[in-house]
Amino acid sequence: MNFFKTKTTESYAIFFVGAALFMQRISMGAGNVLYGLAILFFLISLYKQYKNHTLRDNFVIKKALPYLKILGIAILLIMPSVFVSEHLGKSFKALLEIWLYRALPLFIIPFCAKSKKQMFWLLGAVFISLNLDSLLAFYQHVFLKNPRPSGFSNNPLNLAAILAMTIPVQVIIMAETIFPMGLRKLAVVSIFTNILGLFGGQSRGSWLLLAFTPFFSFKYWRKNKYFPIAYLVIAAIIGAYVASSPSMQQRIISTTNMTTDRSNADRIVVWESAAMMIHDYPLLGVGPGEFTEIYKAHYELPENTQRMVHTHNNFIQVTTESGVIGLLAFLILFGYIEVRALKDTFKGNPYAYMRLAATTFYLLFGLIDYTFDASAIMKLYWYYIAISLSLEALAENNSVAEIAENKPSKSDDRVLEKA
């Protein structure tokens, strides 16, 4: 890789953030050390760029700047909820971790990106890591008879959320010729491997989102005749697997069971408690990171048989902890990303389609689990957003350079002239 040879501060930051995301679920400790190194080299690079007056000329930063501003606005809106908390230090720490620390890939990657090859490497690294994670989860379920395996982590829903968000991104990469063939082939392999991980993890929510993926990627059905055939083959394989497994059939049927299935019923119970909490603390909530303690002390109902400690819903959890102001911040942040990605996708921008995929599936999974406070999920989400923005900026810059040199544009950059 070129960034290994150049050994610039920026290339080290890119390498370490990719290594951190590769390792974060395999070894949390190693992932955190690598993430810290990425932050260190990013700060050094930021200082050098500031000192050399090159920040203003960085076209990748300009592409990411509106997103950074929206994130900043959201953080400012959340800030007042910290001061109503019974534990000011705890809530301030929670705010920094949830809203800033885990969003650092959105800073590191655009500020240090130099080539599309780097971005392709970052995508390939995390796909390989998730392949290992998925195969382990499938092995744990099929061979070790673990009813709810979780791969390298201790939470099966975290792996499910990550894979539900990643598979649509991989479908786009597989289908778009702007990506190198090696990465597209890896995406194909990863889709099948990650589907194994989803069925190993036994998350019904992720299965519903997997079923939604063909409809989300419907535009490729018209462009490539093999797409519907591939989906039919995958559906047939999954159908045969489900038909041969009574436990799978029962698991699927239980999706709509809101009474005897306590995983479903207890969510409703916790949401009822959360509604009472929001009624009592409507404007600013109880403070970031404070839900569990106050819920356990004053709002937990005896019907909560599984003793859930959060609401299993991003929107409800944010509202309980930061009030309607916090919910507004959440909606502004992700609403901006979603709407802008949707507009640019309709203009034929494949990188925006990646952002649309990651954001849509992240938000949908967040309806049945609280993922906004999950470190691995949020770092990966911002990782995808940052990579797609950097690729878009690099492609646009290549187009401008080629036009200036009176050279014909390459196919991967011509796509963006319409956006």
Protein backbone atom coordinates (compact mmCIF):
# COMPACT_ATOMS: atom_id res chain seq x y z
CA MET A 1 0.00 0.00 0.00
CA ASN A 2 1.22 3.49 -0.87
CA PHE A 3 0.53 4.87 2.59
CA PHE A 4 2.88 2.30 4.12
CA LYS A 5 5.69 3.56 1.87
CA THR A 6 5.14 7.29 2.30
CA LYS A 7 4.98 7.05 6.11
CA THR A 8 3.37 10.45 6.55
CA THR A 9 1.55 11.41 9.70
CA GLU A 10 -1.73 11.25 7.78
CA SER A 11 -1.03 7.76 6.47
CA TYR A 12 -0.27 6.52 9.98
CA ALA A 13 -3.58 7.97 11.20
CA ILE A 14 -5.43 6.21 8.36
CA PHE A 15 -3.62 2.94 9.04
CA PHE A 16 -4.30 2.98 12.77
CA VAL A 17 -8.00 3.90 12.44
CA GLY A 18 -8.40 1.00 9.98
CA ALA A 19 -6.51 -1.33 12.29
CA ALA A 20 -8.62 -0.17 15.23
CA LEU A 21 -11.88 -0.96 13.43
CA PHE A 22 -10.43 -4.30 12.30
CA MET A 23 -9.54 -5.23 15.88
CA GLN A 24 -12.29 -3.57 17.92
CA ARG A 25 -14.45 -6.69 18.24
CA ILE A 26 -11.63 -9.25 18.12
CA SER A 27 -9.87 -7.57 21.05
CA MET A 28 -11.41 -4.51 22.66
CA GLY A 29 -8.16 -3.62 24.42
CA ALA A 30 -6.08 -3.79 21.24
CA GLY A 31 -8.77 -1.88 19.36
CA ASN A 32 -8.74 0.93 21.92
CA VAL A 33 -4.93 1.19 21.82
CA LEU A 34 -4.97 1.40 18.02
CA TYR A 35 -7.81 3.94 18.16
CA GLY A 36 -5.75 6.03 20.56
CA LEU A 37 -2.79 5.92 18.17
CA ALA A 38 -5.06 7.00 15.32
CA ILE A 39 -6.22 9.97 17.40
CA LEU A 40 -2.62 10.85 18.28
CA PHE A 41 -1.45 10.90 14.67
CA PHE A 42 -4.60 12.76 13.65
CA LEU A 43 -3.88 15.51 16.19
CA ILE A 44 -0.27 15.76 15.00
CA SER A 45 -1.46 15.95 11.40
CA LEU A 46 -4.07 18.56 12.32
CA TYR A 47 -1.40 20.71 13.97
CA LYS A 48 0.89 20.41 10.94
CA GLN A 49 -1.89 21.27 8.51
CA TYR A 50 -2.88 24.26 10.63
CA LYS A 51 0.71 25.43 10.92
CA ASN A 52 1.26 25.06 7.16
CA HIS A 53 -2.05 26.79 6.35
CA THR A 54 -3.27 23.84 4.25
CA LEU A 55 -6.57 23.16 6.01
CA ARG A 56 -8.51 25.60 3.85
CA ASP A 57 -7.26 23.96 0.68
CA ASN A 58 -8.15 20.43 1.75
CA PHE A 59 -11.07 19.49 -0.51
CA VAL A 60 -11.90 16.35 1.50
CA ILE A 61 -12.32 18.43 4.65
CA LYS A 62 -14.62 20.78 2.75
CA LYS A 63 -16.80 17.83 1.79
CA ALA A 64 -17.05 16.67 5.42
CA LEU A 65 -17.40 20.13 6.96
CA PRO A 66 -21.23 20.41 6.77
CA TYR A 67 -21.52 17.08 8.61
CA LEU A 68 -19.06 18.22 11.26
CA LYS A 69 -21.07 21.42 11.74
CA ILE A 70 -24.32 19.49 12.15
CA LEU A 71 -22.63 17.21 14.68
CA GLY A 72 -21.43 20.31 16.54
CA ILE A 73 -24.95 21.76 16.61
CA ALA A 74 -26.31 18.46 17.96
CA ILE A 75 -23.69 18.42 20.74
CA LEU A 76 -24.58 22.00 21.71
CA LEU A 77 -28.25 21.05 21.92
CA ILE A 78 -27.44 18.05 24.12
CA MET A 79 -25.16 20.04 26.45
CA PRO A 80 -27.91 21.56 28.69
CA SER A 81 -29.14 18.08 29.65
CA VAL A 82 -25.79 17.45 31.33
CA PHE A 83 -26.44 20.20 33.87
CA VAL A 84 -29.73 18.69 35.09
CA SER A 85 -28.05 15.37 35.85
CA GLU A 86 -27.62 14.20 39.41
CA HIS A 87 -24.08 13.14 38.45
CA LEU A 88 -22.62 15.97 36.39
CA GLY A 89 -19.25 14.32 35.74
CA LYS A 90 -20.80 11.03 34.71
CA SER A 91 -23.18 12.70 32.26
CA PHE A 92 -20.49 14.93 30.77
CA LYS A 93 -18.30 11.87 30.22
CA ALA A 94 -21.23 10.04 28.61
CA LEU A 95 -21.88 12.98 26.30
CA LEU A 96 -18.24 13.12 25.18
CA GLU A 97 -18.07 9.37 24.60
CA ILE A 98 -21.37 9.00 22.76
CA TRP A 99 -21.44 12.17 20.71
CA LEU A 100 -17.76 12.93 20.10
CA TYR A 101 -15.25 10.18 20.91
CA ARG A 102 -17.04 7.50 18.90
CA ALA A 103 -17.61 9.95 16.05
CA LEU A 104 -13.88 10.67 15.65
CA PRO A 105 -13.59 8.62 12.41
CA LEU A 106 -15.64 11.44 10.85
CA PHE A 107 -12.72 13.74 11.72
CA ILE A 108 -9.73 11.45 11.30
CA ILE A 109 -10.50 10.02 7.86
CA PRO A 110 -11.44 13.20 5.92
CA PHE A 111 -8.61 15.19 7.49
CA CYS A 112 -6.03 12.54 6.60
CA ALA A 113 -7.36 10.90 3.42
CA LYS A 114 -5.01 11.19 0.44
CA SER A 115 -6.16 8.54 -2.03
CA LYS A 116 -9.09 6.31 -2.92
CA LYS A 117 -6.81 3.31 -2.50
CA GLN A 118 -6.56 4.12 1.21
CA MET A 119 -10.34 4.19 1.48
CA PHE A 120 -10.68 0.86 -0.32
CA TRP A 121 -8.16 -0.60 2.11
CA LEU A 122 -10.20 0.68 5.05
CA LEU A 123 -13.35 -0.97 3.70
CA GLY A 124 -11.57 -4.24 2.95
CA ALA A 125 -10.06 -4.39 6.43
CA VAL A 126 -13.39 -4.12 8.23
CA PHE A 127 -15.08 -6.56 5.83
CA ILE A 128 -12.45 -9.20 6.58
CA SER A 129 -12.82 -8.62 10.31
CA LEU A 130 -16.61 -9.00 10.12
CA ASN A 131 -16.21 -12.18 8.07
CA LEU A 132 -14.22 -13.71 10.93
CA ASP A 133 -16.80 -12.44 13.42
CA SER A 134 -19.69 -13.89 11.40
CA LEU A 135 -18.07 -17.27 10.89
CA LEU A 136 -17.37 -17.50 14.62
CA ALA A 137 -20.99 -16.67 15.48
CA PHE A 138 -22.26 -19.27 13.01
CA TYR A 139 -19.86 -21.86 14.43
CA GLN A 140 -20.93 -21.04 17.99
CA HIS A 141 -24.59 -21.56 17.09
CA VAL A 142 -24.37 -24.62 14.81
CA PHE A 143 -21.54 -26.60 16.39
CA LEU A 144 -21.39 -25.36 19.98
CA LYS A 145 -25.21 -25.19 20.24
CA ASN A 146 -25.11 -21.68 21.67
CA PRO A 147 -28.70 -20.35 21.37
CA ARG A 148 -27.61 -16.69 21.10
CA PRO A 149 -23.97 -16.48 19.99
CA SER A 150 -22.28 -13.12 19.65
CA GLY A 151 -19.04 -13.77 17.77
CA PHE A 152 -16.10 -12.03 19.38
CA SER A 153 -18.23 -9.89 21.72
CA ASN A 154 -20.63 -10.70 24.55
CA ASN A 155 -23.70 -9.06 22.98
CA PRO A 156 -25.42 -10.80 20.04
CA LEU A 157 -27.43 -7.70 19.18
CA ASN A 158 -24.27 -5.67 18.60
CA LEU A 159 -23.10 -8.06 15.90
CA ALA A 160 -26.60 -8.14 14.43
CA ALA A 161 -26.75 -4.32 14.25
CA ILE A 162 -23.32 -4.13 12.62
CA LEU A 163 -24.13 -6.76 10.00
CA ALA A 164 -27.57 -5.31 9.29
CA MET A 165 -25.90 -1.97 8.56
CA THR A 166 -22.96 -3.46 6.64
CA ILE A 167 -24.64 -5.87 4.21
CA PRO A 168 -26.49 -3.10 2.28
CA VAL A 169 -23.20 -1.20 1.99
CA GLN A 170 -21.55 -4.35 0.62
CA VAL A 171 -24.36 -4.80 -1.92
CA ILE A 172 -23.69 -1.30 -3.26
CA ILE A 173 -19.95 -1.91 -3.47
CA MET A 174 -20.55 -5.24 -5.22
CA ALA A 175 -22.84 -3.61 -7.80
CA GLU A 176 -20.94 -0.39 -8.57
CA THR A 177 -18.11 -0.56 -11.11
CA ILE A 178 -16.43 2.49 -9.57
CA PHE A 179 -14.98 0.19 -6.93
CA PRO A 180 -11.96 -2.02 -7.72
CA MET A 181 -12.70 -5.61 -8.67
CA GLY A 182 -10.83 -7.01 -5.67
CA LEU A 183 -13.01 -5.08 -3.22
CA ARG A 184 -16.16 -6.02 -5.14
CA LYS A 185 -15.25 -9.72 -4.97
CA LEU A 186 -14.56 -9.37 -1.26
CA ALA A 187 -17.98 -7.74 -0.88
CA VAL A 188 -19.63 -10.73 -2.58
CA VAL A 189 -17.91 -13.20 -0.25
CA SER A 190 -18.66 -10.98 2.75
CA ILE A 191 -22.38 -10.80 1.97
CA PHE A 192 -22.72 -14.58 2.13
CA THR A 193 -20.47 -14.84 5.19
CA ASN A 194 -22.31 -12.07 7.02
CA ILE A 195 -25.68 -13.70 6.27
CA LEU A 196 -24.33 -16.79 8.04
CA GLY A 197 -23.44 -14.50 10.94
CA LEU A 198 -26.96 -13.09 11.04
CA PHE A 199 -28.52 -16.52 11.24
CA GLY A 200 -25.96 -17.63 13.78
CA GLY A 201 -26.73 -14.59 15.94
CA GLN A 202 -30.48 -15.32 15.92
CA SER A 203 -31.55 -11.68 15.88
CA ARG A 204 -35.05 -11.45 14.43
CA GLY A 205 -34.72 -7.72 13.84
CA SER A 206 -31.67 -8.25 11.65
CA TRP A 207 -33.56 -10.91 9.67
CA LEU A 208 -36.32 -8.41 8.92
CA LEU A 209 -33.76 -5.89 7.72
CA LEU A 210 -32.07 -8.58 5.61
CA ALA A 211 -35.42 -9.21 3.94
CA PHE A 212 -35.72 -5.46 3.28
CA THR A 213 -32.30 -5.25 1.60
CA PRO A 214 -33.44 -6.47 -1.88
CA PHE A 215 -36.09 -3.73 -1.95
CA PHE A 216 -33.60 -1.10 -0.81
CA SER A 217 -31.25 -2.07 -3.66
CA PHE A 218 -34.02 -2.38 -6.24
CA LYS A 219 -32.29 0.06 -8.63
CA TYR A 220 -29.75 -2.64 -9.44
CA TRP A 221 -32.45 -5.07 -10.52
CA ARG A 222 -32.93 -3.04 -13.69
CA LYS A 223 -29.23 -2.46 -14.30
CA ASN A 224 -28.07 -6.05 -13.84
CA LYS A 225 -30.15 -9.08 -14.83
CA TYR A 226 -28.20 -11.30 -12.44
CA PHE A 227 -29.31 -9.33 -9.39
CA PRO A 228 -32.85 -10.73 -9.09
CA ILE A 229 -31.50 -14.20 -9.87
CA ALA A 230 -28.94 -13.89 -7.07
CA TYR A 231 -31.60 -12.73 -4.62
CA LEU A 232 -33.86 -15.65 -5.58
CA VAL A 233 -31.00 -18.12 -5.06
CA ILE A 234 -30.19 -16.63 -1.65
CA ALA A 235 -33.87 -16.66 -0.69
CA ALA A 236 -34.16 -20.31 -1.77
CA ILE A 237 -31.12 -21.31 0.31
CA ILE A 238 -32.43 -19.45 3.36
CA GLY A 239 -35.90 -20.91 2.84
CA ALA A 240 -34.53 -24.45 2.67
CA TYR A 241 -32.50 -23.85 5.83
CA VAL A 242 -35.53 -22.51 7.71
CA ALA A 243 -37.75 -25.34 6.45
CA SER A 244 -35.31 -27.91 7.81
CA SER A 245 -34.98 -26.24 11.21
CA PRO A 246 -37.99 -26.28 13.58
CA SER A 247 -36.13 -24.01 16.00
CA MET A 248 -35.64 -21.41 13.26
CA GLN A 249 -39.32 -21.61 12.37
CA GLN A 250 -40.28 -21.06 15.99
CA ARG A 251 -37.86 -18.17 16.30
CA ILE A 252 -39.37 -16.46 13.26
CA ILE A 253 -42.95 -17.04 14.43
CA SER A 254 -42.09 -15.51 17.81
CA THR A 255 -41.30 -12.18 16.15
CA THR A 256 -44.91 -11.02 16.58
CA ASN A 257 -45.48 -12.63 19.97
CA MET A 258 -45.96 -9.75 22.42
CA THR A 259 -47.14 -11.82 25.38
CA THR A 260 -45.28 -15.03 26.19
CA ASP A 261 -42.09 -13.99 24.36
CA ARG A 262 -40.55 -11.87 27.09
CA SER A 263 -37.89 -10.37 24.83
CA ASN A 264 -40.72 -8.64 22.97
CA ALA A 265 -43.08 -8.11 25.89
CA ASP A 266 -40.44 -6.66 28.21
CA ARG A 267 -39.55 -4.07 25.60
CA ILE A 268 -43.12 -2.83 25.75
CA VAL A 269 -42.95 -2.77 29.53
CA VAL A 270 -39.73 -0.73 29.50
CA TRP A 271 -41.20 1.66 26.95
CA GLU A 272 -44.16 2.24 29.27
CA SER A 273 -41.73 3.11 32.07
CA ALA A 274 -39.78 5.36 29.70
CA ALA A 275 -43.00 7.19 28.80
CA MET A 276 -43.55 7.96 32.50
CA MET A 277 -39.97 9.18 32.80
CA ILE A 278 -40.34 11.44 29.76
CA HIS A 279 -43.56 12.81 31.25
CA ASP A 280 -41.69 13.72 34.43
CA TYR A 281 -38.56 15.07 32.68
CA PRO A 282 -39.84 16.30 29.30
CA LEU A 283 -37.50 19.10 28.29
CA LEU A 284 -33.97 18.01 29.21
CA GLY A 285 -34.41 14.45 30.46
CA VAL A 286 -32.54 12.92 33.38
CA GLY A 287 -29.06 13.46 31.94
CA PRO A 288 -26.85 11.49 29.52
CA GLY A 289 -25.98 8.07 30.90
CA GLU A 290 -28.43 8.38 33.80
CA PHE A 291 -31.35 6.28 32.52
CA THR A 292 -30.47 2.97 34.16
CA GLU A 293 -29.95 4.30 37.68
CA ILE A 294 -33.11 6.42 37.76
CA TYR A 295 -35.18 3.77 35.99
CA LYS A 296 -34.12 1.08 38.46
CA ALA A 297 -34.78 3.35 41.44
CA HIS A 298 -38.15 4.82 40.47
CA TYR A 299 -39.68 3.50 37.25
CA GLU A 300 -39.00 -0.20 36.78
CA LEU A 301 -42.18 -2.28 36.65
CA PRO A 302 -42.36 -5.81 38.08
CA GLU A 303 -43.44 -7.09 34.64
CA ASN A 304 -39.90 -6.47 33.39
CA THR A 305 -38.89 -10.09 33.90
CA GLN A 306 -35.60 -9.82 32.00
CA ARG A 307 -34.51 -6.82 34.06
CA MET A 308 -33.63 -4.78 30.99
CA VAL A 309 -31.37 -1.82 31.77
CA HIS A 310 -32.07 0.33 28.72
CA THR A 311 -35.04 0.99 26.45
CA HIS A 312 -33.92 -1.01 23.40
CA ASN A 313 -34.77 2.01 21.25
CA ASN A 314 -32.47 4.87 20.26
CA PHE A 315 -35.20 7.49 19.97
CA ILE A 316 -36.80 6.68 23.32
CA GLN A 317 -33.47 6.36 25.14
CA VAL A 318 -32.19 9.70 23.88
CA THR A 319 -35.48 11.37 24.88
CA THR A 320 -35.41 9.93 28.41
CA GLU A 321 -31.83 11.08 28.97
CA SER A 322 -31.84 14.43 27.13
CA GLY A 323 -35.52 15.30 26.73
CA VAL A 324 -37.23 16.61 23.63
CA ILE A 325 -34.22 18.89 23.08
CA GLY A 326 -32.01 15.81 22.89
CA LEU A 327 -34.44 14.07 20.56
CA LEU A 328 -34.35 17.17 18.37
CA ALA A 329 -30.54 16.99 18.30
CA PHE A 330 -30.68 13.31 17.32
CA LEU A 331 -33.21 13.97 14.57
CA ILE A 332 -31.29 16.96 13.22
CA LEU A 333 -28.05 14.99 13.02
CA PHE A 334 -29.32 11.80 11.43
CA GLY A 335 -32.12 13.52 9.54
CA TYR A 336 -29.60 15.75 7.80
CA ILE A 337 -27.43 12.79 6.82
CA GLU A 338 -30.43 10.75 5.64
CA VAL A 339 -32.15 13.49 3.62
CA ARG A 340 -28.98 14.76 1.98
CA ALA A 341 -27.89 11.22 1.12
CA LEU A 342 -31.32 10.51 -0.36
CA LYS A 343 -31.19 13.62 -2.55
CA ASP A 344 -27.68 12.84 -3.80
CA THR A 345 -28.57 9.19 -4.39
CA PHE A 346 -31.35 10.24 -6.75
CA LYS A 347 -28.71 12.27 -8.62
CA GLY A 348 -26.77 9.06 -9.26
CA ASN A 349 -24.14 9.42 -6.55
CA PRO A 350 -23.07 5.91 -5.39
CA TYR A 351 -21.11 7.24 -2.42
CA ALA A 352 -24.24 8.98 -1.14
CA TYR A 353 -26.03 5.66 -1.62
CA MET A 354 -23.54 4.12 0.82
CA ARG A 355 -24.39 6.81 3.38
CA LEU A 356 -28.08 6.28 2.77
CA ALA A 357 -27.70 2.53 3.29
CA ALA A 358 -25.66 2.81 6.49
CA THR A 359 -27.94 5.48 8.00
CA THR A 360 -31.25 3.88 7.01
CA PHE A 361 -30.39 0.46 8.36
CA TYR A 362 -28.75 1.91 11.45
CA LEU A 363 -31.89 3.90 12.28
CA LEU A 364 -34.21 0.98 11.58
CA PHE A 365 -32.28 -1.38 13.83
CA GLY A 366 -32.30 1.36 16.46
CA LEU A 367 -36.06 0.91 16.74
CA ILE A 368 -35.57 -2.43 18.53
CA ASP A 369 -32.24 -1.92 20.30
CA TYR A 370 -30.31 0.93 21.90
CA THR A 371 -27.26 1.10 19.65
CA PHE A 372 -26.34 4.78 20.07
CA ASP A 373 -24.27 3.93 23.15
CA ALA A 374 -22.61 0.88 21.55
CA SER A 375 -18.99 1.78 20.87
CA ALA A 376 -18.27 -0.72 18.08
CA ILE A 377 -21.50 0.09 16.23
CA MET A 378 -21.12 3.87 16.36
CA LYS A 379 -17.44 3.91 15.43
CA LEU A 380 -18.22 1.72 12.42
CA TYR A 381 -21.19 3.88 11.42
CA TRP A 382 -19.09 7.05 11.37
CA TYR A 383 -16.31 5.07 9.66
CA TYR A 384 -18.65 4.29 6.76
CA ILE A 385 -19.89 7.88 6.58
CA ALA A 386 -16.34 9.27 6.61
CA ILE A 387 -15.08 6.85 3.96
CA SER A 388 -17.98 7.59 1.62
CA LEU A 389 -17.48 11.35 1.98
CA SER A 390 -13.73 11.02 1.39
CA LEU A 391 -14.23 8.83 -1.68
CA GLU A 392 -16.74 11.31 -3.08
CA ALA A 393 -14.39 14.25 -2.55
CA LEU A 394 -11.41 12.41 -4.04
CA ALA A 395 -13.45 11.37 -7.07
CA GLU A 396 -14.70 14.91 -7.63
CA ASN A 397 -11.16 16.27 -7.34
CA ASN A 398 -9.93 13.73 -9.92
CA SER A 399 -12.67 14.85 -12.30
CA VAL A 400 -11.73 18.50 -11.88
CA ALA A 401 -8.05 17.71 -12.44
CA GLU A 402 -8.79 15.73 -15.59
CA ILE A 403 -10.98 18.46 -17.00
CA ALA A 404 -8.23 20.99 -16.30
CA GLU A 405 -5.79 18.79 -18.20
CA ASN A 406 -8.31 18.32 -21.04
CA LYS A 407 -8.42 14.58 -20.43
CA PRO A 408 -11.56 12.47 -20.64
CA SER A 409 -13.07 11.61 -17.26
CA LYS A 410 -12.94 8.09 -15.96
CA SER A 411 -16.22 6.28 -15.45
CA ASP A 412 -15.94 6.28 -11.69
CA ASP A 413 -15.65 10.06 -11.53
CA ARG A 414 -18.13 10.93 -14.28
CA VAL A 415 -20.92 9.65 -12.07
CA LEU A 416 -20.42 12.53 -9.69
CA GLU A 417 -20.63 15.33 -12.25
CA LYS A 418 -24.43 15.07 -11.99
CA ALA A 419 -24.47 15.20 -8.19
